């Protein structure tokens, strides 16, 4: 998995077994490979239509599988296991799921690069990739896709759960007790680390706010915060998904024009960090009924390392327990990659992996394409 944070690759090795009531699973290992700075910068530049270049996207599509292959080989060696199947999400470059009329047809579109056929040849292992397109072809958002994996991995007969993932973008899955997969609610809530990371790099030359320490030094600027909460994405009813198209460079330019002279750089970081936590809770309160019926909130993704965000989430969701996914059996870095391992396993067995109640697709469908090494 390489996500909208554009910082690197998370790879897990899992054992999965089919059972009559779903799957049993065991996480064997997790490794992280940081992107070279030049690669990260080029991905970021080409995720913006104003600065993207087709020749660079062509190169990125081909070079990413080499980095994925290195990570797979390292993870397999660490686990001491022969890998049977790879699930690779690829790197999202642009996401426009809304159906529009163009070129005499009505369609939505999404682009994940990192050619799965190249990865299959480099590793000698079958690869499931390009997970989102089938759902979008059926009128869905193509995201989020992890909710079905969340259902298989974390459903409970005793506890209702909200599974929050804070990557570049934040999203969550709500699982009631004994959830019916046709009624699961999940969607993107807005920016996770994306805005924080961009401003940390610009203001302090750091790729992220370690432990939320910069946010703790500032004070939330009420005027700036109130302008952020008016973003139209927050009011849009699910199914919905988002990315750099909504909260990337154009959003940052507008945001910086709203910063007053009395607002320090630390205040700005505090404000956008508070907004990440608030927008997650607001989305939950706004669109999920009976909000008191959440026994456990499980947080994963890089944002779970931000102590400011975690403290804010605990205040917002009180009295519900807010825990890290580590305490539920999957480390915060491994959880999203693990979900795509599960989805790849569903695809190779010919089972659907999307949830129309989540994405808005017209029906369930097997996700992705399968590339063989020979």
Protein backbone atom coordinates (compact mmCIF):
# COMPACT_ATOMS: atom_id res chain seq x y z
CA UNK A 1 0.00 0.00 0.00
CA UNK A 2 1.25 3.48 -0.90
CA UNK A 3 -1.25 6.19 -0.07
CA UNK A 4 -1.97 9.87 -0.46
CA UNK A 5 0.74 10.79 2.06
CA UNK A 6 3.27 9.95 -0.69
CA UNK A 7 5.88 9.00 1.90
CA UNK A 8 6.50 5.35 1.09
CA UNK A 9 5.25 1.77 0.97
CA UNK A 10 3.71 -0.40 3.68
CA UNK A 11 3.83 -4.14 3.05
CA UNK A 12 2.41 -6.94 5.18
CA UNK A 13 2.58 -10.71 4.95
CA UNK A 14 -0.62 -12.40 6.08
CA UNK A 15 -1.93 -15.93 6.28
CA UNK A 16 -5.59 -16.07 5.27
CA UNK A 17 -7.93 -19.04 5.46
CA UNK A 18 -11.53 -19.30 4.32
CA UNK A 19 -14.09 -20.30 6.93
CA UNK A 20 -17.83 -20.81 6.71
CA UNK A 21 -18.39 -17.54 8.57
CA UNK A 22 -15.71 -15.50 6.74
CA UNK A 23 -11.94 -15.72 7.14
CA UNK A 24 -9.35 -16.43 9.78
CA UNK A 25 -6.16 -14.40 9.60
CA UNK A 26 -2.73 -14.01 11.06
CA UNK A 27 -0.34 -11.10 10.51
CA UNK A 28 3.19 -12.46 10.07
CA UNK A 29 5.17 -9.31 9.48
CA UNK A 30 5.09 -5.68 8.35
CA UNK A 31 7.80 -3.63 6.66
CA UNK A 32 7.96 -0.02 5.52
CA UNK A 33 10.04 1.34 2.67
CA UNK A 34 10.47 5.08 2.48
CA UNK A 35 10.32 6.64 -0.97
CA UNK A 36 13.48 8.39 -2.23
CA UNK A 37 12.87 12.13 -1.93
CA UNK A 38 13.01 12.65 -5.69
CA UNK A 39 10.33 10.00 -6.20
CA UNK A 40 8.10 11.48 -3.50
CA UNK A 41 8.49 14.99 -4.96
CA UNK A 42 7.73 13.79 -8.49
CA UNK A 43 4.63 11.91 -7.35
CA UNK A 44 3.37 15.00 -5.52
CA UNK A 45 3.99 17.23 -8.53
CA UNK A 46 2.20 14.85 -10.88
CA UNK A 47 -0.80 14.51 -8.56
CA UNK A 48 -1.67 18.12 -9.42
CA UNK A 49 -3.16 18.66 -12.91
CA UNK A 50 -1.47 22.07 -13.06
CA UNK A 51 2.03 20.57 -12.81
CA UNK A 52 1.65 17.01 -14.08
CA UNK A 53 3.49 15.70 -17.14
CA UNK A 54 2.58 12.63 -19.15
CA UNK A 55 6.23 11.61 -19.62
CA UNK A 56 6.84 11.65 -15.86
CA UNK A 57 3.62 9.73 -15.15
CA UNK A 58 4.77 7.16 -17.71
CA UNK A 59 8.09 6.75 -15.86
CA UNK A 60 6.40 6.63 -12.45
CA UNK A 61 4.01 3.91 -13.61
CA UNK A 62 6.98 1.73 -14.53
CA UNK A 63 9.40 2.50 -11.70
CA UNK A 64 6.96 2.07 -8.78
CA UNK A 65 6.74 -1.74 -9.28
CA UNK A 66 10.51 -1.95 -8.77
CA UNK A 67 10.10 -0.33 -5.35
CA UNK A 68 7.06 -2.51 -4.60
CA UNK A 69 9.04 -5.63 -5.59
CA UNK A 70 11.91 -4.71 -3.26
CA UNK A 71 9.45 -4.37 -0.40
CA UNK A 72 7.67 -7.65 -1.15
CA UNK A 73 10.96 -9.55 -1.27
CA UNK A 74 12.10 -8.00 2.00
CA UNK A 75 8.79 -8.78 3.70
CA UNK A 76 8.76 -12.36 2.44
CA UNK A 77 12.29 -12.90 3.67
CA UNK A 78 11.47 -11.41 7.07
CA UNK A 79 8.39 -13.63 7.40
CA UNK A 80 10.27 -16.71 6.21
CA UNK A 81 7.40 -17.58 3.89
CA UNK A 82 6.87 -18.15 0.18
CA UNK A 83 4.40 -15.54 -1.03
CA UNK A 84 1.43 -16.94 -2.98
CA UNK A 85 -0.32 -13.73 -4.00
CA UNK A 86 0.29 -9.97 -3.97
CA UNK A 87 -2.42 -7.36 -3.56
CA UNK A 88 -1.13 -3.96 -4.71
CA UNK A 89 -3.28 -0.85 -4.51
CA UNK A 90 -0.88 1.27 -6.58
CA UNK A 91 -0.43 5.01 -6.25
CA UNK A 92 -3.47 7.21 -6.82
CA UNK A 93 -2.65 10.06 -9.19
CA UNK A 94 -6.15 11.41 -9.76
CA UNK A 95 -9.61 10.48 -8.57
CA UNK A 96 -12.79 11.80 -10.24
CA UNK A 97 -15.55 9.34 -9.38
CA UNK A 98 -18.47 11.70 -10.11
CA UNK A 99 -20.27 10.69 -13.28
CA UNK A 100 -19.88 13.40 -15.93
CA UNK A 101 -20.59 13.57 -19.64
CA UNK A 102 -17.38 13.77 -21.67
CA UNK A 103 -16.40 12.55 -25.11
CA UNK A 104 -20.00 11.52 -25.85
CA UNK A 105 -20.18 9.21 -22.79
CA UNK A 106 -21.10 9.51 -19.13
CA UNK A 107 -18.52 8.06 -16.75
CA UNK A 108 -16.41 8.52 -13.63
CA UNK A 109 -12.67 7.97 -13.63
CA UNK A 110 -9.74 7.14 -11.37
CA UNK A 111 -6.05 6.50 -11.99
CA UNK A 112 -3.75 4.32 -9.88
CA UNK A 113 -0.27 3.80 -11.29
CA UNK A 114 2.34 1.13 -10.59
CA UNK A 115 1.84 -1.45 -13.35
CA UNK A 116 0.74 -4.79 -11.81
CA UNK A 117 2.06 -6.82 -14.76
CA UNK A 118 5.54 -5.43 -14.18
CA UNK A 119 5.32 -6.27 -10.48
CA UNK A 120 4.23 -9.84 -11.30
CA UNK A 121 7.20 -10.35 -13.63
CA UNK A 122 9.68 -8.81 -11.19
CA UNK A 123 8.56 -11.03 -8.31
CA UNK A 124 7.37 -14.17 -10.09
CA UNK A 125 4.13 -13.92 -8.09
CA UNK A 126 0.55 -13.28 -9.31
CA UNK A 127 -0.63 -9.74 -8.55
CA UNK A 128 -4.09 -8.28 -8.02
CA UNK A 129 -4.06 -4.56 -8.79
CA UNK A 130 -6.22 -1.70 -10.09
CA UNK A 131 -8.90 -2.31 -7.47
CA UNK A 132 -11.07 0.78 -7.97
CA UNK A 133 -12.06 0.87 -11.64
CA UNK A 134 -14.73 -1.86 -11.62
CA UNK A 135 -16.69 -0.15 -8.85
CA UNK A 136 -16.48 3.20 -10.66
CA UNK A 137 -17.68 1.58 -13.91
CA UNK A 138 -20.82 0.60 -11.97
CA UNK A 139 -21.44 4.19 -10.86
CA UNK A 140 -19.64 3.89 -7.53
CA UNK A 141 -17.08 6.13 -5.87
CA UNK A 142 -14.40 3.46 -6.09
CA UNK A 143 -13.64 4.34 -2.47
CA UNK A 144 -13.37 3.59 0.29
CA UNK A 145 -12.72 -0.08 -0.45
CA UNK A 146 -11.35 -1.17 2.93
CA UNK A 147 -14.81 -1.43 4.60
CA UNK A 148 -15.46 -4.97 3.34
CA UNK A 149 -12.06 -6.00 4.67
CA UNK A 150 -12.87 -4.16 7.90
CA UNK A 151 -16.04 -6.24 8.09
CA UNK A 152 -14.17 -9.51 7.60
CA UNK A 153 -11.40 -8.63 10.06
CA UNK A 154 -13.12 -6.66 12.83
CA UNK A 155 -16.83 -7.45 13.05
CA UNK A 156 -18.04 -8.39 16.51
CA UNK A 157 -21.19 -9.77 18.10
CA UNK A 158 -20.44 -7.90 21.34
CA UNK A 159 -19.18 -4.46 20.31
CA UNK A 160 -20.16 -1.78 17.82
CA UNK A 161 -17.02 -0.32 16.28
CA UNK A 162 -15.87 2.70 14.32
CA UNK A 163 -12.67 1.99 12.41
CA UNK A 164 -10.86 5.24 11.54
CA UNK A 165 -7.89 5.36 9.19
CA UNK A 166 -5.92 8.60 9.08
CA UNK A 167 -3.61 8.68 6.09
CA UNK A 168 -3.33 11.62 3.74
CA UNK A 169 -7.12 11.47 3.69
CA UNK A 170 -9.18 10.25 6.66
CA UNK A 171 -11.98 7.72 6.38
CA UNK A 172 -13.97 5.44 8.62
CA UNK A 173 -16.09 2.30 8.66
CA UNK A 174 -18.98 1.90 11.08
CA UNK A 175 -19.73 -1.68 12.16
CA UNK A 176 -22.77 -2.28 14.34
CA UNK A 177 -22.95 -5.41 16.47
CA UNK A 178 -23.37 -8.42 14.15
CA UNK A 179 -23.24 -6.09 11.13
CA UNK A 180 -25.06 -6.84 7.89
CA UNK A 181 -22.54 -6.18 5.08
CA UNK A 182 -25.28 -4.69 2.90
CA UNK A 183 -25.87 -1.96 5.50
CA UNK A 184 -22.34 -0.97 6.43
CA UNK A 185 -21.67 2.78 6.42
CA UNK A 186 -18.23 4.06 5.43
CA UNK A 187 -16.80 7.08 3.61
CA UNK A 188 -13.98 9.59 3.42
CA UNK A 189 -14.35 12.34 6.03
CA UNK A 190 -11.85 14.90 4.69
CA UNK A 191 -8.14 15.56 5.13
CA UNK A 192 -6.12 13.39 7.46
CA UNK A 193 -2.43 14.26 7.43
CA UNK A 194 -2.39 15.87 3.99
CA UNK A 195 -2.86 19.50 4.97
CA UNK A 196 -0.78 19.19 8.15
CA UNK A 197 2.14 17.61 6.30
CA UNK A 198 2.11 20.18 3.48
CA UNK A 199 2.18 23.12 5.90
CA UNK A 200 4.83 21.49 8.11
CA UNK A 201 7.06 21.14 5.05
CA UNK A 202 6.47 24.72 3.96
CA UNK A 203 6.77 26.37 7.39
CA UNK A 204 9.28 24.17 9.20
CA UNK A 205 11.01 22.06 6.54
CA UNK A 206 9.70 18.87 8.15
CA UNK A 207 7.71 16.17 6.38
CA UNK A 208 5.23 15.79 9.27
CA UNK A 209 4.46 16.97 12.80
CA UNK A 210 6.10 14.30 14.96
CA UNK A 211 3.85 13.40 17.91
CA UNK A 212 1.82 16.56 17.21
CA UNK A 213 4.47 18.57 19.07
CA UNK A 214 4.15 21.64 16.82
CA UNK A 215 0.36 21.62 17.13
CA UNK A 216 0.71 21.54 20.93
CA UNK A 217 2.81 24.72 20.77
CA UNK A 218 0.05 26.63 19.00
CA UNK A 219 -3.52 27.69 19.71
CA UNK A 220 -6.50 27.01 17.46
CA UNK A 221 -7.36 30.15 15.50
CA UNK A 222 -11.16 30.38 15.68
CA UNK A 223 -11.56 32.53 12.56
CA UNK A 224 -9.47 30.18 10.40
CA UNK A 225 -11.15 27.11 11.86
CA UNK A 226 -14.64 28.45 11.12
CA UNK A 227 -13.67 29.03 7.51
CA UNK A 228 -12.37 25.47 7.19
CA UNK A 229 -15.53 23.89 8.57
CA UNK A 230 -17.54 25.50 5.75
CA UNK A 231 -15.83 23.32 3.13
CA UNK A 232 -18.65 21.87 0.97
CA UNK A 233 -17.26 18.32 1.08
CA UNK A 234 -18.23 18.07 4.74
CA UNK A 235 -21.90 18.65 3.92
CA UNK A 236 -21.98 16.24 0.99
CA UNK A 237 -23.97 13.12 1.82
CA UNK A 238 -22.24 9.74 1.47
CA UNK A 239 -21.32 7.76 -0.55
CA UNK A 240 -18.37 10.09 -1.02
CA UNK A 241 -14.63 10.02 -1.41
CA UNK A 242 -11.96 12.65 -1.82
CA UNK A 243 -8.24 13.28 -2.28
CA UNK A 244 -5.76 15.92 -3.39
CA UNK A 245 -8.37 17.17 -5.84
CA UNK A 246 -10.29 18.68 -2.90
CA UNK A 247 -7.62 19.15 -0.22
CA UNK A 248 -4.38 19.57 -2.17
CA UNK A 249 -2.56 22.63 -3.49
CA UNK A 250 -5.66 24.62 -4.46
CA UNK A 251 -7.18 24.17 -1.01
CA UNK A 252 -3.90 25.24 0.62
CA UNK A 253 -3.71 28.42 -1.46
CA UNK A 254 -7.20 29.44 -0.39
CA UNK A 255 -6.46 28.50 3.20
CA UNK A 256 -3.31 30.60 3.41
CA UNK A 257 -5.18 33.66 2.13
CA UNK A 258 -7.44 33.34 5.18
CA UNK A 259 -4.63 33.34 7.75
CA UNK A 260 -4.54 36.54 9.77
CA UNK A 261 -1.35 38.39 10.69
CA UNK A 262 -1.85 37.49 14.37
CA UNK A 263 -1.91 33.76 13.62
CA UNK A 264 1.51 32.18 14.16
CA UNK A 265 2.74 29.21 12.16
CA UNK A 266 2.26 27.02 15.21
CA UNK A 267 -1.32 28.32 15.48
CA UNK A 268 -1.93 27.31 11.86
CA UNK A 269 -0.67 23.78 12.52
CA UNK A 270 -2.81 23.55 15.67
CA UNK A 271 -5.85 24.72 13.70
CA UNK A 272 -5.53 22.32 10.77
CA UNK A 273 -4.74 19.44 13.16
CA UNK A 274 -7.83 20.20 15.22
CA UNK A 275 -9.81 20.33 11.97
CA UNK A 276 -8.72 16.81 11.05
CA UNK A 277 -10.02 15.40 14.35
CA UNK A 278 -13.16 17.54 14.32
CA UNK A 279 -14.09 16.65 10.73
CA UNK A 280 -13.90 12.94 11.56
CA UNK A 281 -16.24 13.34 14.53
CA UNK A 282 -18.53 15.74 12.66
CA UNK A 283 -18.90 13.26 9.81
CA UNK A 284 -19.80 10.56 12.30
CA UNK A 285 -22.31 12.72 14.17
CA UNK A 286 -23.81 14.11 10.97
CA UNK A 287 -24.34 10.92 8.98
CA UNK A 288 -24.49 7.97 11.37
CA UNK A 289 -27.59 7.60 13.51
CA UNK A 290 -27.54 6.66 17.19
CA UNK A 291 -24.02 7.99 17.68
CA UNK A 292 -24.04 6.85 21.32
CA UNK A 293 -24.04 3.24 20.13
CA UNK A 294 -20.29 3.03 19.54
CA UNK A 295 -18.48 0.92 22.05
CA UNK A 296 -15.03 1.15 20.51
CA UNK A 297 -13.23 3.55 18.17
CA UNK A 298 -10.17 1.93 16.53
CA UNK A 299 -7.66 4.30 14.92
CA UNK A 300 -4.97 3.39 12.36
CA UNK A 301 -2.77 5.12 9.79
CA UNK A 302 0.05 7.60 10.24
CA UNK A 303 -2.26 10.11 11.92
CA UNK A 304 -2.66 7.72 14.85
CA UNK A 305 0.92 8.62 15.82
CA UNK A 306 -0.10 12.26 16.24
CA UNK A 307 -0.81 12.60 19.95
CA UNK A 308 -2.73 15.85 19.43
CA UNK A 309 -5.14 14.12 17.03
CA UNK A 310 -5.60 11.14 19.34
CA UNK A 311 -6.25 13.37 22.36
CA UNK A 312 -8.79 15.39 20.39
CA UNK A 313 -10.56 12.23 19.17
CA UNK A 314 -10.81 10.94 22.74
CA UNK A 315 -12.42 14.21 23.81
CA UNK A 316 -14.85 14.24 20.88
CA UNK A 317 -15.89 10.58 21.22
CA UNK A 318 -16.05 10.44 25.01
CA UNK A 319 -17.30 8.17 26.63
CA UNK A 320 -16.54 5.66 23.85
CA UNK A 321 -13.17 3.95 24.12
CA UNK A 322 -10.67 5.24 21.55
CA UNK A 323 -7.80 2.81 20.95
CA UNK A 324 -5.04 2.18 18.43
CA UNK A 325 -5.46 -0.67 15.95
CA UNK A 326 -2.36 -2.22 17.57
CA UNK A 327 -4.62 -3.09 20.49
CA UNK A 328 -7.02 -4.84 18.09
CA UNK A 329 -4.35 -7.03 16.50
CA UNK A 330 -3.07 -4.91 13.58
CA UNK A 331 -0.42 -2.21 13.92
CA UNK A 332 -1.41 1.29 12.83
CA UNK A 333 1.05 1.13 9.91
CA UNK A 334 -0.04 -2.36 8.78
CA UNK A 335 -3.80 -2.08 8.86
CA UNK A 336 -4.53 -0.57 5.44
CA UNK A 337 -2.07 -2.83 3.62
CA UNK A 338 -3.64 -5.79 5.41
CA UNK A 339 -7.04 -4.78 4.09
CA UNK A 340 -5.80 -4.93 0.50
CA UNK A 341 -4.29 -8.35 1.16
CA UNK A 342 -7.78 -9.45 2.18
CA UNK A 343 -9.36 -7.85 -0.90
CA UNK A 344 -6.81 -9.53 -3.19
CA UNK A 345 -7.68 -12.87 -1.59
CA UNK A 346 -11.37 -12.25 -2.26
CA UNK A 347 -10.63 -11.40 -5.90
CA UNK A 348 -8.47 -14.46 -6.59
CA UNK A 349 -11.30 -16.63 -5.24
CA UNK A 350 -13.84 -14.86 -7.45
CA UNK A 351 -15.73 -13.12 -4.67
CA UNK A 352 -16.89 -9.48 -4.73
CA UNK A 353 -14.98 -6.97 -2.62
CA UNK A 354 -16.98 -3.76 -2.83
CA UNK A 355 -20.01 -2.71 -0.80
CA UNK A 356 -22.65 -0.77 -2.78
CA UNK A 357 -23.99 0.73 0.46
CA UNK A 358 -20.57 2.34 0.87
CA UNK A 359 -19.48 3.24 -2.67
CA UNK A 360 -22.85 3.74 -4.37
CA UNK A 361 -22.13 1.15 -7.09
CA UNK A 362 -25.14 -0.51 -8.69
CA UNK A 363 -24.07 -3.99 -7.54
CA UNK A 364 -21.30 -6.00 -5.87
CA UNK A 365 -18.38 -6.92 -8.10
CA UNK A 366 -15.01 -8.64 -7.95
CA UNK A 367 -12.35 -5.95 -7.73
CA UNK A 368 -9.16 -5.52 -9.68
CA UNK A 369 -7.22 -7.21 -12.44
CA UNK A 370 -5.06 -10.31 -12.01
CA UNK A 371 -1.60 -10.27 -13.59
CA UNK A 372 0.37 -13.50 -13.86
CA UNK A 373 4.17 -13.71 -14.11
CA UNK A 374 4.01 -16.03 -17.13
